[in-house]
């Protein structure tokens, strides 16, 4: 890595956003605040320790707000800050790219086949069918 790359804001952003589960968490929170367990279920496949680490990272970057509802028992919700919500266009751009260029991807092909015959296939189809408000569903299955 050269000095120019080390000081590039885009490089820094990519370093954070490429962390596994970060964009899945952001994508889920674009639909509104979620409790920890609900967020874990909707993201799908992320273990609680990793989810906690990613939420701490996103909080530290001021992309996510943690709202404590009660202390005993501890109940919290997580929601995107304005900076986190600004990633909506990034997620939408990735979704558009995936729909245009990942047609040959096995997971994308499975979801297209499921849409065509009305059945639900794929790893996450049993828990949450793809809807227009859930961009990147096919790409999320690739992880």
Protein backbone atom coordinates (compact mmCIF):
# COMPACT_ATOMS: atom_id res chain seq x y z
CA UNK A 1 0.00 0.00 0.00
CA UNK A 2 1.45 3.35 -1.00
CA UNK A 3 1.08 6.70 0.77
CA UNK A 4 -1.62 7.88 -1.65
CA UNK A 5 -3.75 4.77 -1.04
CA UNK A 6 -3.28 5.01 2.73
CA UNK A 7 -4.81 8.51 2.80
CA UNK A 8 -7.65 7.86 0.34
CA UNK A 9 -11.16 8.14 1.87
CA UNK A 10 -12.52 5.59 -0.62
CA UNK A 11 -9.84 3.09 0.45
CA UNK A 12 -10.78 3.59 4.10
CA UNK A 13 -14.51 3.17 3.36
CA UNK A 14 -13.91 -0.01 1.37
CA UNK A 15 -11.79 -1.41 4.21
CA UNK A 16 -14.76 -1.07 6.57
CA UNK A 17 -17.55 -2.02 4.18
CA UNK A 18 -15.75 -5.15 3.01
CA UNK A 19 -15.85 -6.63 6.51
CA UNK A 20 -18.06 -9.68 6.39
CA UNK A 21 -21.66 -8.97 7.43
CA UNK A 22 -21.32 -5.16 7.51
CA UNK A 23 -23.35 -4.49 4.37
CA UNK A 24 -25.85 -7.20 5.31
CA UNK A 25 -26.40 -5.42 8.64
CA UNK A 26 -26.73 -2.03 6.96
CA UNK A 27 -29.13 -3.48 4.36
CA UNK A 28 -31.34 -4.94 7.09
CA UNK A 29 -31.34 -1.72 9.14
CA UNK A 30 -32.40 0.28 6.07
CA UNK A 31 -35.86 -1.17 6.76
CA UNK A 32 -35.88 0.33 10.26
CA UNK A 33 -34.66 -0.30 13.82
CA UNK A 34 -34.13 -3.90 14.97
CA UNK A 35 -33.42 -5.62 18.25
CA UNK A 36 -30.25 -7.69 18.46
CA UNK A 37 -31.95 -11.09 18.04
CA UNK A 38 -34.25 -9.84 15.30
CA UNK A 39 -31.28 -8.35 13.47
CA UNK A 40 -29.37 -11.63 13.79
CA UNK A 41 -32.29 -13.59 12.35
CA UNK A 42 -32.81 -11.21 9.45
CA UNK A 43 -29.14 -11.01 8.55
CA UNK A 44 -29.04 -14.82 8.67
CA UNK A 45 -25.93 -16.89 9.30
CA UNK A 46 -23.98 -14.37 11.38
CA UNK A 47 -23.08 -15.73 14.81
CA UNK A 48 -23.86 -13.52 17.84
CA UNK A 49 -20.20 -12.79 18.62
CA UNK A 50 -19.50 -11.57 15.09
CA UNK A 51 -22.75 -9.59 15.02
CA UNK A 52 -21.74 -7.87 18.27
CA UNK A 53 -18.28 -7.05 16.87
CA UNK A 54 -19.73 -5.59 13.67
CA UNK A 55 -22.30 -3.53 15.57
CA UNK A 56 -19.57 -2.14 17.83
CA UNK A 57 -17.54 -1.26 14.72
CA UNK A 58 -20.52 0.45 13.09
CA UNK A 59 -21.35 2.31 16.31
CA UNK A 60 -17.75 3.49 16.59
CA UNK A 61 -17.95 4.84 13.06
CA UNK A 62 -21.24 6.56 13.92
CA UNK A 63 -23.12 4.60 11.24
CA UNK A 64 -25.39 2.86 13.78
CA UNK A 65 -27.07 4.11 16.97
CA UNK A 66 -27.68 1.72 19.86
CA UNK A 67 -30.84 2.63 21.77
CA UNK A 68 -31.18 1.05 25.22
CA UNK A 69 -34.84 0.41 26.08
CA UNK A 70 -34.27 -1.25 29.45
CA UNK A 71 -31.31 -2.29 31.56
CA UNK A 72 -32.82 -5.27 33.39
CA UNK A 73 -33.25 -7.28 31.33
CA UNK A 74 -31.09 -5.49 28.79
CA UNK A 75 -33.10 -4.62 25.70
CA UNK A 76 -31.59 -2.60 22.88
CA UNK A 77 -32.49 -1.64 19.36
CA UNK A 78 -30.12 -0.65 16.61
CA UNK A 79 -30.84 1.87 13.89
CA UNK A 80 -28.89 3.62 11.20
CA UNK A 81 -27.63 7.13 11.81
CA UNK A 82 -27.93 9.67 9.00
CA UNK A 83 -24.42 8.63 7.88
CA UNK A 84 -25.49 4.98 7.86
CA UNK A 85 -28.70 5.78 6.01
CA UNK A 86 -26.57 7.56 3.38
CA UNK A 87 -25.29 4.09 2.42
CA UNK A 88 -28.73 3.32 0.94
CA UNK A 89 -27.56 4.49 -2.49
CA UNK A 90 -24.47 2.27 -2.20
CA UNK A 91 -26.61 -0.78 -1.36
CA UNK A 92 -29.01 0.07 -4.21
CA UNK A 93 -26.07 0.40 -6.64
CA UNK A 94 -24.74 -3.01 -5.58
CA UNK A 95 -28.22 -4.46 -5.99
CA UNK A 96 -28.54 -3.00 -9.50
CA UNK A 97 -25.09 -4.29 -10.45
CA UNK A 98 -25.88 -7.76 -9.10
CA UNK A 99 -29.17 -7.94 -10.99
CA UNK A 100 -27.44 -6.89 -14.23
CA UNK A 101 -24.21 -8.86 -14.04
CA UNK A 102 -24.72 -11.85 -11.77
CA UNK A 103 -27.31 -13.68 -13.85
CA UNK A 104 -24.92 -16.63 -14.18
CA UNK A 105 -24.38 -16.85 -10.42
CA UNK A 106 -25.88 -20.07 -9.03
CA UNK A 107 -27.62 -18.34 -6.11
CA UNK A 108 -29.10 -15.70 -8.42
CA UNK A 109 -30.29 -18.37 -10.84
CA UNK A 110 -31.96 -20.29 -7.97
CA UNK A 111 -33.84 -17.19 -6.83
CA UNK A 112 -34.93 -16.40 -10.40
CA UNK A 113 -36.18 -19.98 -10.83
CA UNK A 114 -38.07 -19.72 -7.54
CA UNK A 115 -39.69 -16.48 -8.68
CA UNK A 116 -40.66 -18.07 -11.99
CA UNK A 117 -42.34 -21.18 -10.57
CA UNK A 118 -43.66 -19.64 -7.36
CA UNK A 119 -41.63 -21.83 -5.01
CA UNK A 120 -39.07 -20.73 -2.49
CA UNK A 121 -35.58 -22.10 -2.99
CA UNK A 122 -32.17 -21.17 -1.63
CA UNK A 123 -30.73 -21.11 1.85
CA UNK A 124 -32.72 -18.13 3.15
CA UNK A 125 -35.94 -18.68 1.24
CA UNK A 126 -37.49 -20.73 4.04
CA UNK A 127 -37.01 -17.93 6.57
CA UNK A 128 -37.48 -14.83 4.42
CA UNK A 129 -38.59 -14.69 0.78
CA UNK A 130 -37.05 -12.07 -1.47
CA UNK A 131 -39.07 -8.88 -1.66
CA UNK A 132 -38.45 -5.62 -3.50
CA UNK A 133 -37.65 -3.91 -0.17
CA UNK A 134 -34.84 -6.42 0.49
CA UNK A 135 -32.19 -5.58 -2.14
CA UNK A 136 -29.25 -7.93 -2.58
CA UNK A 137 -31.08 -11.03 -1.40
CA UNK A 138 -29.47 -13.12 -4.13
CA UNK A 139 -26.03 -11.67 -3.45
CA UNK A 140 -26.49 -12.21 0.31
CA UNK A 141 -26.92 -15.92 -0.30
CA UNK A 142 -23.46 -16.01 -1.92
CA UNK A 143 -21.72 -15.59 1.47
